[in-house]
Amino acid sequence: MLKVRTLGPEYLETQSQLRRDIRAMRDRVQKLEDHLQSSKKRLSELKTGKPSLRAPSLDTVNRTFRNIDIAIKQQSGDVDKIQQRMSKLDLSSNVIGPRDKRISESSVKKPST
């Protein structure tokens, strides 16, 4: 039968700190490898003259136009509804109404023609 040794408290803290540091280093190495990979890809694209941005596919362009067309139709319908509501309003009657007697004629701005 094997005896299991346990570490003292000062060594347990050191062990956990080392494990955290190792984990942090692995994360940094992974980020650096990813960055290196993307840099190599970008460099090879620049060397071959291949553009890094590709033109959108025809399907994407068609979907975009269709969405814009739908939005325009909705806005047009809203404008038509507002226009119908405006036509129902009676704008020919006296819109201003009676004035407050406390306001003098000189303080009221008159529209310029």
PDB file of N, CA and C in Angstrom:
ATOM      1  N   MET A   1       0.833  -1.170   0.000  1.00  0.00           N
ATOM      2  CA  MET A   1       0.000   0.000   0.000  1.00  0.00           C
ATOM      3  C   MET A   1       0.886   1.246   0.000  1.00  0.00           C
ATOM      4  N   LEU A   2       0.459   2.248  -0.789  1.00  0.00           N
ATOM      5  CA  LEU A   2       1.229   3.472  -0.914  1.00  0.00           C
ATOM      6  C   LEU A   2       0.720   4.532   0.048  1.00  0.00           C
ATOM      7  N   LYS A   3       1.641   5.250   0.595  1.00  0.00           N
ATOM      8  CA  LYS A   3       1.249   6.382   1.436  1.00  0.00           C
ATOM      9  C   LYS A   3       1.158   7.619   0.562  1.00  0.00           C
ATOM     10  N   VAL A   4       0.141   8.380   0.752  1.00  0.00           N
ATOM     11  CA  VAL A   4      -0.043   9.608  -0.004  1.00  0.00           C
ATOM     12  C   VAL A   4       0.525  10.756   0.816  1.00  0.00           C
ATOM     13  N   ARG A   5       1.421  11.476   0.187  1.00  0.00           N
ATOM     14  CA  ARG A   5       1.990  12.627   0.887  1.00  0.00           C
ATOM     15  C   ARG A   5       1.146  13.851   0.587  1.00  0.00           C
ATOM     16  N   THR A   6       0.963  14.640   1.558  1.00  0.00           N
ATOM     17  CA  THR A   6       0.260  15.909   1.352  1.00  0.00           C
ATOM     18  C   THR A   6       1.260  17.036   1.536  1.00  0.00           C
ATOM     19  N   LEU A   7       1.041  18.084   0.765  1.00  0.00           N
ATOM     20  CA  LEU A   7       1.926  19.237   0.845  1.00  0.00           C
ATOM     21  C   LEU A   7       1.520  20.118   2.021  1.00  0.00           C
ATOM     22  N   GLY A   8       2.493  20.806   2.520  1.00  0.00           N
ATOM     23  CA  GLY A   8       2.205  21.764   3.580  1.00  0.00           C
ATOM     24  C   GLY A   8       1.465  22.967   3.021  1.00  0.00           C
ATOM     25  N   PRO A   9       0.869  23.789   3.861  1.00  0.00           N
ATOM     26  CA  PRO A   9       0.071  24.928   3.396  1.00  0.00           C
ATOM     27  C   PRO A   9       0.856  25.913   2.529  1.00  0.00           C
ATOM     28  N   GLU A  10       2.121  26.147   2.864  1.00  0.00           N
ATOM     29  CA  GLU A  10       2.902  27.101   2.062  1.00  0.00           C
ATOM     30  C   GLU A  10       3.165  26.537   0.670  1.00  0.00           C
ATOM     31  N   TYR A  11       3.330  25.207   0.567  1.00  0.00           N
ATOM     32  CA  TYR A  11       3.559  24.585  -0.727  1.00  0.00           C
ATOM     33  C   TYR A  11       2.269  24.463  -1.538  1.00  0.00           C
ATOM     34  N   LEU A  12       1.148  24.282  -0.866  1.00  0.00           N
ATOM     35  CA  LEU A  12      -0.142  24.222  -1.565  1.00  0.00           C
ATOM     36  C   LEU A  12      -0.435  25.559  -2.252  1.00  0.00           C
ATOM     37  N   GLU A  13      -0.155  26.643  -1.569  1.00  0.00           N
ATOM     38  CA  GLU A  13      -0.370  27.973  -2.160  1.00  0.00           C
ATOM     39  C   GLU A  13       0.552  28.173  -3.356  1.00  0.00           C
ATOM     40  N   THR A  14       1.798  27.749  -3.210  1.00  0.00           N
ATOM     41  CA  THR A  14       2.754  27.869  -4.311  1.00  0.00           C
ATOM     42  C   THR A  14       2.310  27.019  -5.501  1.00  0.00           C
ATOM     43  N   GLN A  15       1.816  25.824  -5.222  1.00  0.00           N
ATOM     44  CA  GLN A  15       1.349  24.934  -6.283  1.00  0.00           C
ATOM     45  C   GLN A  15       0.163  25.548  -7.032  1.00  0.00           C
ATOM     46  N   SER A  16      -0.783  26.083  -6.311  1.00  0.00           N
ATOM     47  CA  SER A  16      -1.951  26.679  -6.976  1.00  0.00           C
ATOM     48  C   SER A  16      -1.553  27.922  -7.770  1.00  0.00           C
ATOM     49  N   GLN A  17      -0.602  28.693  -7.244  1.00  0.00           N
ATOM     50  CA  GLN A  17      -0.122  29.866  -7.985  1.00  0.00           C
ATOM     51  C   GLN A  17       0.587  29.446  -9.267  1.00  0.00           C
ATOM     52  N   LEU A  18       1.398  28.398  -9.182  1.00  0.00           N
ATOM     53  CA  LEU A  18       2.084  27.893 -10.383  1.00  0.00           C
ATOM     54  C   LEU A  18       1.084  27.384 -11.420  1.00  0.00           C
ATOM     55  N   ARG A  19       0.065  26.694 -10.969  1.00  0.00           N
ATOM     56  CA  ARG A  19      -0.959  26.197 -11.910  1.00  0.00           C
ATOM     57  C   ARG A  19      -1.687  27.348 -12.594  1.00  0.00           C
ATOM     58  N   ARG A  20      -2.000  28.402 -11.822  1.00  0.00           N
ATOM     59  CA  ARG A  20      -2.645  29.585 -12.432  1.00  0.00           C
ATOM     60  C   ARG A  20      -1.733  30.242 -13.448  1.00  0.00           C
ATOM     61  N   ASP A  21      -0.448  30.355 -13.106  1.00  0.00           N
ATOM     62  CA  ASP A  21       0.508  30.965 -14.029  1.00  0.00           C
ATOM     63  C   ASP A  21       0.667  30.134 -15.298  1.00  0.00           C
ATOM     64  N   ILE A  22       0.698  28.811 -15.143  1.00  0.00           N
ATOM     65  CA  ILE A  22       0.806  27.934 -16.317  1.00  0.00           C
ATOM     66  C   ILE A  22      -0.417  28.092 -17.209  1.00  0.00           C
ATOM     67  N   ARG A  23      -1.594  28.162 -16.608  1.00  0.00           N
ATOM     68  CA  ARG A  23      -2.826  28.349 -17.383  1.00  0.00           C
ATOM     69  C   ARG A  23      -2.804  29.684 -18.131  1.00  0.00           C
ATOM     70  N   ALA A  24      -2.343  30.734 -17.465  1.00  0.00           N
ATOM     71  CA  ALA A  24      -2.263  32.052 -18.102  1.00  0.00           C
ATOM     72  C   ALA A  24      -1.270  32.027 -19.256  1.00  0.00           C
ATOM     73  N   MET A  25      -0.141  31.349 -19.072  1.00  0.00           N
ATOM     74  CA  MET A  25       0.856  31.260 -20.135  1.00  0.00           C
ATOM     75  C   MET A  25       0.310  30.480 -21.333  1.00  0.00           C
ATOM     76  N   ARG A  26      -0.411  29.403 -21.070  1.00  0.00           N
ATOM     77  CA  ARG A  26      -1.005  28.627 -22.172  1.00  0.00           C
ATOM     78  C   ARG A  26      -1.995  29.482 -22.962  1.00  0.00           C
ATOM     79  N   ASP A  27      -2.796  30.282 -22.253  1.00  0.00           N
ATOM     80  CA  ASP A  27      -3.738  31.169 -22.934  1.00  0.00           C
ATOM     81  C   ASP A  27      -3.007  32.189 -23.801  1.00  0.00           C
ATOM     82  N   ARG A  28      -1.934  32.752 -23.272  1.00  0.00           N
ATOM     83  CA  ARG A  28      -1.158  33.732 -24.035  1.00  0.00           C
ATOM     84  C   ARG A  28      -0.514  33.094 -25.257  1.00  0.00           C
ATOM     85  N   VAL A  29       0.028  31.900 -25.080  1.00  0.00           N
ATOM     86  CA  VAL A  29       0.648  31.196 -26.208  1.00  0.00           C
ATOM     87  C   VAL A  29      -0.399  30.913 -27.285  1.00  0.00           C
ATOM     88  N   GLN A  30      -1.589  30.510 -26.880  1.00  0.00           N
ATOM     89  CA  GLN A  30      -2.655  30.236 -27.848  1.00  0.00           C
ATOM     90  C   GLN A  30      -3.037  31.501 -28.614  1.00  0.00           C
ATOM     91  N   LYS A  31      -3.151  32.628 -27.887  1.00  0.00           N
ATOM     92  CA  LYS A  31      -3.479  33.899 -28.552  1.00  0.00           C
ATOM     93  C   LYS A  31      -2.385  34.297 -29.529  1.00  0.00           C
ATOM     94  N   LEU A  32      -1.131  34.128 -29.122  1.00  0.00           N
ATOM     95  CA  LEU A  32      -0.018  34.465 -30.007  1.00  0.00           C
ATOM     96  C   LEU A  32       0.004  33.573 -31.243  1.00  0.00           C
ATOM     97  N   GLU A  33      -0.277  32.283 -31.066  1.00  0.00           N
ATOM     98  CA  GLU A  33      -0.313  31.377 -32.214  1.00  0.00           C
ATOM     99  C   GLU A  33      -1.430  31.759 -33.178  1.00  0.00           C
ATOM    100  N   ASP A  34      -2.592  32.122 -32.637  1.00  0.00           N
ATOM    101  CA  ASP A  34      -3.701  32.562 -33.491  1.00  0.00           C
ATOM    102  C   ASP A  34      -3.335  33.834 -34.253  1.00  0.00           C
ATOM    103  N   HIS A  35      -2.706  34.765 -33.543  1.00  0.00           N
ATOM    104  CA  HIS A  35      -2.298  36.014 -34.193  1.00  0.00           C
ATOM    105  C   HIS A  35      -1.251  35.751 -35.270  1.00  0.00           C
ATOM    106  N   LEU A  36      -0.303  34.873 -34.970  1.00  0.00           N
ATOM    107  CA  LEU A  36       0.724  34.520 -35.935  1.00  0.00           C
ATOM    108  C   LEU A  36       0.103  33.878 -37.170  1.00  0.00           C
ATOM    109  N   GLN A  37      -0.859  33.004 -36.972  1.00  0.00           N
ATOM    110  CA  GLN A  37      -1.537  32.334 -38.087  1.00  0.00           C
ATOM    111  C   GLN A  37      -2.268  33.351 -38.965  1.00  0.00           C
ATOM    112  N   SER A  38      -2.991  34.268 -38.348  1.00  0.00           N
ATOM    113  CA  SER A  38      -3.717  35.270 -39.141  1.00  0.00           C
ATOM    114  C   SER A  38      -2.750  36.215 -39.853  1.00  0.00           C
ATOM    115  N   SER A  39      -1.630  36.519 -39.215  1.00  0.00           N
ATOM    116  CA  SER A  39      -0.627  37.384 -39.861  1.00  0.00           C
ATOM    117  C   SER A  39      -0.002  36.685 -41.059  1.00  0.00           C
ATOM    118  N   LYS A  40       0.284  35.400 -40.925  1.00  0.00           N
ATOM    119  CA  LYS A  40       0.837  34.638 -42.052  1.00  0.00           C
ATOM    120  C   LYS A  40      -0.145  34.602 -43.219  1.00  0.00           C
ATOM    121  N   LYS A  41      -1.416  34.422 -42.905  1.00  0.00           N
ATOM    122  CA  LYS A  41      -2.451  34.380 -43.951  1.00  0.00           C
ATOM    123  C   LYS A  41      -2.532  35.726 -44.663  1.00  0.00           C
ATOM    124  N   ARG A  42      -2.520  36.805 -43.879  1.00  0.00           N
ATOM    125  CA  ARG A  42      -2.595  38.140 -44.465  1.00  0.00           C
ATOM    126  C   ARG A  42      -1.366  38.423 -45.317  1.00  0.00           C
ATOM    127  N   LEU A  43      -0.186  38.005 -44.846  1.00  0.00           N
ATOM    128  CA  LEU A  43       1.048  38.206 -45.601  1.00  0.00           C
ATOM    129  C   LEU A  43       1.010  37.449 -46.924  1.00  0.00           C
ATOM    130  N   SER A  44       0.537  36.220 -46.893  1.00  0.00           N
ATOM    131  CA  SER A  44       0.473  35.446 -48.143  1.00  0.00           C
ATOM    132  C   SER A  44      -0.536  36.063 -49.106  1.00  0.00           C
ATOM    133  N   GLU A  45      -1.631  36.613 -48.580  1.00  0.00           N
ATOM    134  CA  GLU A  45      -2.604  37.281 -49.455  1.00  0.00           C
ATOM    135  C   GLU A  45      -2.003  38.529 -50.082  1.00  0.00           C
ATOM    136  N   LEU A  46      -1.206  39.262 -49.313  1.00  0.00           N
ATOM    137  CA  LEU A  46      -0.569  40.461 -49.861  1.00  0.00           C
ATOM    138  C   LEU A  46       0.482  40.096 -50.909  1.00  0.00           C
ATOM    139  N   LYS A  47       1.225  39.008 -50.675  1.00  0.00           N
ATOM    140  CA  LYS A  47       2.248  38.593 -51.634  1.00  0.00           C
ATOM    141  C   LYS A  47       1.642  38.148 -52.949  1.00  0.00           C
ATOM    142  N   THR A  48       0.529  37.424 -52.880  1.00  0.00           N
ATOM    143  CA  THR A  48      -0.090  36.924 -54.110  1.00  0.00           C
ATOM    144  C   THR A  48      -0.958  37.978 -54.784  1.00  0.00           C
ATOM    145  N   GLY A  49      -1.201  39.084 -54.111  1.00  0.00           N
ATOM    146  CA  GLY A  49      -2.021  40.137 -54.690  1.00  0.00           C
ATOM    147  C   GLY A  49      -3.506  39.859 -54.586  1.00  0.00           C
ATOM    148  N   LYS A  50      -3.839  38.845 -53.845  1.00  0.00           N
ATOM    149  CA  LYS A  50      -5.244  38.490 -53.668  1.00  0.00           C
ATOM    150  C   LYS A  50      -5.858  39.445 -52.642  1.00  0.00           C
ATOM    151  N   PRO A  51      -6.996  40.052 -52.950  1.00  0.00           N
ATOM    152  CA  PRO A  51      -7.595  40.974 -51.985  1.00  0.00           C
ATOM    153  C   PRO A  51      -8.130  40.232 -50.761  1.00  0.00           C
ATOM    154  N   SER A  52      -7.979  40.860 -49.621  1.00  0.00           N
ATOM    155  CA  SER A  52      -8.457  40.214 -48.399  1.00  0.00           C
ATOM    156  C   SER A  52      -9.974  40.340 -48.266  1.00  0.00           C
ATOM    157  N   LEU A  53     -10.543  41.362 -48.891  1.00  0.00           N
ATOM    158  CA  LEU A  53     -11.999  41.510 -48.870  1.00  0.00           C
ATOM    159  C   LEU A  53     -12.574  40.963 -50.164  1.00  0.00           C
ATOM    160  N   ARG A  54     -13.533  40.089 -50.028  1.00  0.00           N
ATOM    161  CA  ARG A  54     -14.180  39.538 -51.213  1.00  0.00           C
ATOM    162  C   ARG A  54     -15.488  40.270 -51.457  1.00  0.00           C
ATOM    163  N   ALA A  55     -15.864  40.322 -52.697  1.00  0.00           N
ATOM    164  CA  ALA A  55     -17.138  40.929 -53.040  1.00  0.00           C
ATOM    165  C   ALA A  55     -18.263  40.046 -52.509  1.00  0.00           C
ATOM    166  N   PRO A  56     -19.371  40.656 -52.102  1.00  0.00           N
ATOM    167  CA  PRO A  56     -20.474  39.836 -51.591  1.00  0.00           C
ATOM    168  C   PRO A  56     -21.058  38.970 -52.703  1.00  0.00           C
ATOM    169  N   SER A  57     -21.631  37.866 -52.300  1.00  0.00           N
ATOM    170  CA  SER A  57     -22.213  36.965 -53.293  1.00  0.00           C
ATOM    171  C   SER A  57     -23.473  37.594 -53.884  1.00  0.00           C
ATOM    172  N   LEU A  58     -23.885  37.065 -55.009  1.00  0.00           N
ATOM    173  CA  LEU A  58     -25.083  37.567 -55.677  1.00  0.00           C
ATOM    174  C   LEU A  58     -26.319  37.370 -54.802  1.00  0.00           C
ATOM    175  N   ASP A  59     -26.343  36.274 -54.071  1.00  0.00           N
ATOM    176  CA  ASP A  59     -27.454  36.005 -53.170  1.00  0.00           C
ATOM    177  C   ASP A  59     -27.541  37.075 -52.074  1.00  0.00           C
ATOM    178  N   THR A  60     -26.395  37.469 -51.531  1.00  0.00           N
ATOM    179  CA  THR A  60     -26.370  38.499 -50.492  1.00  0.00           C
ATOM    180  C   THR A  60     -26.857  39.835 -51.039  1.00  0.00           C
ATOM    181  N   VAL A  61     -26.419  40.167 -52.245  1.00  0.00           N
ATOM    182  CA  VAL A  61     -26.849  41.420 -52.869  1.00  0.00           C
ATOM    183  C   VAL A  61     -28.355  41.401 -53.113  1.00  0.00           C
ATOM    184  N   ASN A  62     -28.867  40.283 -53.627  1.00  0.00           N
ATOM    185  CA  ASN A  62     -30.305  40.172 -53.888  1.00  0.00           C
ATOM    186  C   ASN A  62     -31.114  40.272 -52.599  1.00  0.00           C
ATOM    187  N   ARG A  63     -30.633  39.616 -51.533  1.00  0.00           N
ATOM    188  CA  ARG A  63     -31.331  39.697 -50.245  1.00  0.00           C
ATOM    189  C   ARG A  63     -31.344  41.128 -49.721  1.00  0.00           C
ATOM    190  N   THR A  64     -30.229  41.825 -49.883  1.00  0.00           N
ATOM    191  CA  THR A  64     -30.144  43.208 -49.415  1.00  0.00           C
ATOM    192  C   THR A  64     -31.124  44.089 -50.177  1.00  0.00           C
ATOM    193  N   PHE A  65     -31.159  43.949 -51.497  1.00  0.00           N
ATOM    194  CA  PHE A  65     -32.105  44.732 -52.298  1.00  0.00           C
ATOM    195  C   PHE A  65     -33.546  44.416 -51.916  1.00  0.00           C
ATOM    196  N   ARG A  66     -33.836  43.135 -51.691  1.00  0.00           N
ATOM    197  CA  ARG A  66     -35.189  42.744 -51.313  1.00  0.00           C
ATOM    198  C   ARG A  66     -35.574  43.364 -49.965  1.00  0.00           C
ATOM    199  N   ASN A  67     -34.655  43.348 -49.005  1.00  0.00           N
ATOM    200  CA  ASN A  67     -34.938  43.949 -47.700  1.00  0.00           C
ATOM    201  C   ASN A  67     -35.142  45.455 -47.808  1.00  0.00           C
ATOM    202  N   ILE A  68     -34.339  46.102 -48.633  1.00  0.00           N
ATOM    203  CA  ILE A  68     -34.503  47.543 -48.835  1.00  0.00           C
ATOM    204  C   ILE A  68     -35.846  47.825 -49.496  1.00  0.00           C
ATOM    205  N   ASP A  69     -36.217  47.013 -50.480  1.00  0.00           N
ATOM    206  CA  ASP A  69     -37.495  47.193 -51.172  1.00  0.00           C
ATOM    207  C   ASP A  69     -38.669  47.019 -50.210  1.00  0.00           C
ATOM    208  N   ILE A  70     -38.583  46.025 -49.334  1.00  0.00           N
ATOM    209  CA  ILE A  70     -39.641  45.809 -48.340  1.00  0.00           C
ATOM    210  C   ILE A  70     -39.747  47.004 -47.398  1.00  0.00           C
ATOM    211  N   ALA A  71     -38.610  47.520 -46.958  1.00  0.00           N
ATOM    212  CA  ALA A  71     -38.607  48.679 -46.054  1.00  0.00           C
ATOM    213  C   ALA A  71     -39.206  49.898 -46.738  1.00  0.00           C
ATOM    214  N   ILE A  72     -38.891  50.091 -48.018  1.00  0.00           N
ATOM    215  CA  ILE A  72     -39.445  51.240 -48.756  1.00  0.00           C
ATOM    216  C   ILE A  72     -40.958  51.102 -48.890  1.00  0.00           C
ATOM    217  N   LYS A  73     -41.432  49.900 -49.173  1.00  0.00           N
ATOM    218  CA  LYS A  73     -42.880  49.686 -49.296  1.00  0.00           C
ATOM    219  C   LYS A  73     -43.586  49.960 -47.969  1.00  0.00           C
ATOM    220  N   GLN A  74     -42.965  49.529 -46.858  1.00  0.00           N
ATOM    221  CA  GLN A  74     -43.573  49.781 -45.549  1.00  0.00           C
ATOM    222  C   GLN A  74     -43.619  51.271 -45.257  1.00  0.00           C
ATOM    223  N   GLN A  75     -42.539  51.973 -45.538  1.00  0.00           N
ATOM    224  CA  GLN A  75     -42.497  53.415 -45.296  1.00  0.00           C
ATOM    225  C   GLN A  75     -43.505  54.124 -46.197  1.00  0.00           C
ATOM    226  N   SER A  76     -43.615  53.665 -47.422  1.00  0.00           N
ATOM    227  CA  SER A  76     -44.564  54.263 -48.355  1.00  0.00           C
ATOM    228  C   SER A  76     -45.999  54.068 -47.860  1.00  0.00           C
ATOM    229  N   GLY A  77     -46.275  52.877 -47.309  1.00  0.00           N
ATOM    230  CA  GLY A  77     -47.607  52.623 -46.746  1.00  0.00           C
ATOM    231  C   GLY A  77     -47.887  53.525 -45.558  1.00  0.00           C
ATOM    232  N   ASP A  78     -46.885  53.740 -44.729  1.00  0.00           N
ATOM    233  CA  ASP A  78     -47.059  54.636 -43.583  1.00  0.00           C
ATOM    234  C   ASP A  78     -47.328  56.062 -44.038  1.00  0.00           C
ATOM    235  N   VAL A  79     -46.606  56.501 -45.063  1.00  0.00           N
ATOM    236  CA  VAL A  79     -46.817  57.856 -45.592  1.00  0.00           C
ATOM    237  C   VAL A  79     -48.222  57.986 -46.173  1.00  0.00           C
ATOM    238  N   ASP A  80     -48.687  56.950 -46.867  1.00  0.00           N
ATOM    239  CA  ASP A  80     -50.043  56.981 -47.425  1.00  0.00           C
ATOM    240  C   ASP A  80     -51.091  57.090 -46.322  1.00  0.00           C
ATOM    241  N   LYS A  81     -50.895  56.346 -45.227  1.00  0.00           N
ATOM    242  CA  LYS A  81     -51.842  56.418 -44.108  1.00  0.00           C
ATOM    243  C   LYS A  81     -51.860  57.812 -43.489  1.00  0.00           C
ATOM    244  N   ILE A  82     -50.691  58.389 -43.328  1.00  0.00           N
ATOM    245  CA  ILE A  82     -50.619  59.741 -42.767  1.00  0.00           C
ATOM    246  C   ILE A  82     -51.276  60.733 -43.710  1.00  0.00           C
ATOM    247  N   GLN A  83     -51.068  60.554 -45.007  1.00  0.00           N
ATOM    248  CA  GLN A  83     -51.665  61.444 -45.993  1.00  0.00           C
ATOM    249  C   GLN A  83     -53.197  61.345 -45.955  1.00  0.00           C
ATOM    250  N   GLN A  84     -53.727  60.132 -45.793  1.00  0.00           N
ATOM    251  CA  GLN A  84     -55.174  59.965 -45.689  1.00  0.00           C
ATOM    252  C   GLN A  84     -55.710  60.636 -44.435  1.00  0.00           C
ATOM    253  N   ARG A  85     -55.007  60.497 -43.326  1.00  0.00           N
ATOM    254  CA  ARG A  85     -55.441  61.128 -42.078  1.00  0.00           C
ATOM    255  C   ARG A  85     -55.402  62.644 -42.193  1.00  0.00           C
ATOM    256  N   MET A  86     -54.377  63.163 -42.883  1.00  0.00           N
ATOM    257  CA  MET A  86     -54.270  64.619 -43.069  1.00  0.00           C
ATOM    258  C   MET A  86     -55.397  65.133 -43.952  1.00  0.00           C
ATOM    259  N   SER A  87     -55.783  64.336 -44.948  1.00  0.00           N
ATOM    260  CA  SER A  87     -56.845  64.795 -45.848  1.00  0.00           C
ATOM    261  C   SER A  87     -58.192  64.841 -45.126  1.00  0.00           C
ATOM    262  N   LYS A  88     -58.358  64.044 -44.072  1.00  0.00           N
ATOM    263  CA  LYS A  88     -59.605  64.044 -43.307  1.00  0.00           C
ATOM    264  C   LYS A  88     -59.714  65.250 -42.382  1.00  0.00           C
ATOM    265  N   LEU A  89     -58.575  65.862 -42.073  1.00  0.00           N
ATOM    266  CA  LEU A  89     -58.599  67.026 -41.191  1.00  0.00           C
ATOM    267  C   LEU A  89     -59.191  68.221 -41.922  1.00  0.00           C
ATOM    268  N   ASP A  90     -59.947  69.027 -41.202  1.00  0.00           N
ATOM    269  CA  ASP A  90     -60.542  70.230 -41.782  1.00  0.00           C
ATOM    270  C   ASP A  90     -59.604  71.393 -41.490  1.00  0.00           C
ATOM    271  N   LEU A  91     -58.776  71.720 -42.475  1.00  0.00           N
ATOM    272  CA  LEU A  91     -57.806  72.789 -42.290  1.00  0.00           C
ATOM    273  C   LEU A  91     -58.317  74.128 -42.816  1.00  0.00           C
ATOM    274  N   SER A  92     -59.513  74.162 -43.377  1.00  0.00           N
ATOM    275  CA  SER A  92     -60.026  75.402 -43.944  1.00  0.00           C
ATOM    276  C   SER A  92     -60.618  76.325 -42.883  1.00  0.00           C
ATOM    277  N   SER A  93     -61.012  75.798 -41.724  1.00  0.00           N
ATOM    278  CA  SER A  93     -61.597  76.638 -40.685  1.00  0.00           C
ATOM    279  C   SER A  93     -60.511  77.451 -39.991  1.00  0.00           C
ATOM    280  N   ASN A  94     -60.931  78.333 -39.089  1.00  0.00           N
ATOM    281  CA  ASN A  94     -60.007  79.196 -38.378  1.00  0.00           C
ATOM    282  C   ASN A  94     -59.135  78.336 -37.457  1.00  0.00           C
ATOM    283  N   VAL A  95     -57.871  78.187 -37.815  1.00  0.00           N
ATOM    284  CA  VAL A  95     -56.975  77.321 -37.082  1.00  0.00           C
ATOM    285  C   VAL A  95     -56.474  77.999 -35.813  1.00  0.00           C
ATOM    286  N   ILE A  96     -56.258  79.304 -35.868  1.00  0.00           N
ATOM    287  CA  ILE A  96     -55.625  80.016 -34.773  1.00  0.00           C
ATOM    288  C   ILE A  96     -56.556  80.118 -33.562  1.00  0.00           C
ATOM    289  N   GLY A  97     -57.822  80.372 -33.766  1.00  0.00           N
ATOM    290  CA  GLY A  97     -58.764  80.469 -32.657  1.00  0.00           C
ATOM    291  C   GLY A  97     -58.669  81.838 -31.983  1.00  0.00           C
ATOM    292  N   PRO A  98     -59.439  82.036 -30.937  1.00  0.00           N
ATOM    293  CA  PRO A  98     -59.422  83.344 -30.270  1.00  0.00           C
ATOM    294  C   PRO A  98     -58.099  83.557 -29.545  1.00  0.00           C
ATOM    295  N   ARG A  99     -57.634  84.804 -29.611  1.00  0.00           N
ATOM    296  CA  ARG A  99     -56.368  85.159 -28.963  1.00  0.00           C
ATOM    297  C   ARG A  99     -56.594  85.554 -27.524  1.00  0.00           C
ATOM    298  N   ASP A 100     -55.539  85.395 -26.776  1.00  0.00           N
ATOM    299  CA  ASP A 100     -55.555  85.844 -25.393  1.00  0.00           C
ATOM    300  C   ASP A 100     -55.458  87.366 -25.398  1.00  0.00           C
ATOM    301  N   LYS A 101     -56.337  88.021 -24.714  1.00  0.00           N
ATOM    302  CA  LYS A 101     -56.392  89.487 -24.718  1.00  0.00           C
ATOM    303  C   LYS A 101     -55.166  90.093 -24.042  1.00  0.00           C
ATOM    304  N   ARG A 102     -54.457  89.339 -23.225  1.00  0.00           N
ATOM    305  CA  ARG A 102     -53.290  89.879 -22.533  1.00  0.00           C
ATOM    306  C   ARG A 102     -52.082  90.026 -23.458  1.00  0.00           C
ATOM    307  N   ILE A 103     -52.093  89.367 -24.604  1.00  0.00           N
ATOM    308  CA  ILE A 103     -50.980  89.466 -25.546  1.00  0.00           C
ATOM    309  C   ILE A 103     -51.258  90.626 -26.472  1.00  0.00           C
ATOM    310  N   SER A 104     -50.305  91.542 -26.558  1.00  0.00           N
ATOM    311  CA  SER A 104     -50.501  92.703 -27.421  1.00  0.00           C
ATOM    312  C   SER A 104     -50.239  92.330 -28.867  1.00  0.00           C
ATOM    313  N   GLU A 105     -50.749  93.123 -29.780  1.00  0.00           N
ATOM    314  CA  GLU A 105     -50.571  92.867 -31.201  1.00  0.00           C
ATOM    315  C   GLU A 105     -49.111  92.989 -31.623  1.00  0.00           C
ATOM    316  N   SER A 106     -48.350  93.856 -30.967  1.00  0.00           N
ATOM    317  CA  SER A 106     -46.964  94.071 -31.364  1.00  0.00           C
ATOM    318  C   SER A 106     -46.071  92.906 -30.954  1.00  0.00           C
ATOM    319  N   SER A 107     -46.442  92.135 -29.930  1.00  0.00           N
ATOM    320  CA  SER A 107     -45.606  91.031 -29.492  1.00  0.00           C
ATOM    321  C   SER A 107     -45.852  89.754 -30.307  1.00  0.00           C
ATOM    322  N   VAL A 108     -46.946  89.737 -31.068  1.00  0.00           N
ATOM    323  CA  VAL A 108     -47.254  88.569 -31.888  1.00  0.00           C
ATOM    324  C   VAL A 108     -46.506  88.678 -33.196  1.00  0.00           C
ATOM    325  N   LYS A 109     -45.745  87.642 -33.533  1.00  0.00           N
ATOM    326  CA  LYS A 109     -45.016  87.644 -34.797  1.00  0.00           C
ATOM    327  C   LYS A 109     -45.972  87.335 -35.930  1.00  0.00           C
ATOM    328  N   LYS A 110     -45.897  88.159 -36.946  1.00  0.00           N
ATOM    329  CA  LYS A 110     -46.740  87.951 -38.128  1.00  0.00           C
ATOM    330  C   LYS A 110     -45.912  87.242 -39.170  1.00  0.00           C
ATOM    331  N   PRO A 111     -46.526  86.323 -39.895  1.00  0.00           N
ATOM    332  CA  PRO A 111     -45.773  85.621 -40.942  1.00  0.00           C
ATOM    333  C   PRO A 111     -45.401  86.560 -42.066  1.00  0.00           C
ATOM    334  N   SER A 112     -44.177  86.419 -42.556  1.00  0.00           N
ATOM    335  CA  SER A 112     -43.741  87.270 -43.669  1.00  0.00           C
ATOM    336  C   SER A 112     -44.132  86.606 -44.974  1.00  0.00           C
ATOM    337  N   THR A 113     -44.538  87.411 -45.949  1.00  0.00           N
ATOM    338  CA  THR A 113     -44.950  86.867 -47.241  1.00  0.00           C
ATOM    339  C   THR A 113     -44.044  87.269 -48.339  1.00  0.00           C
TER     340      THR A 113
END
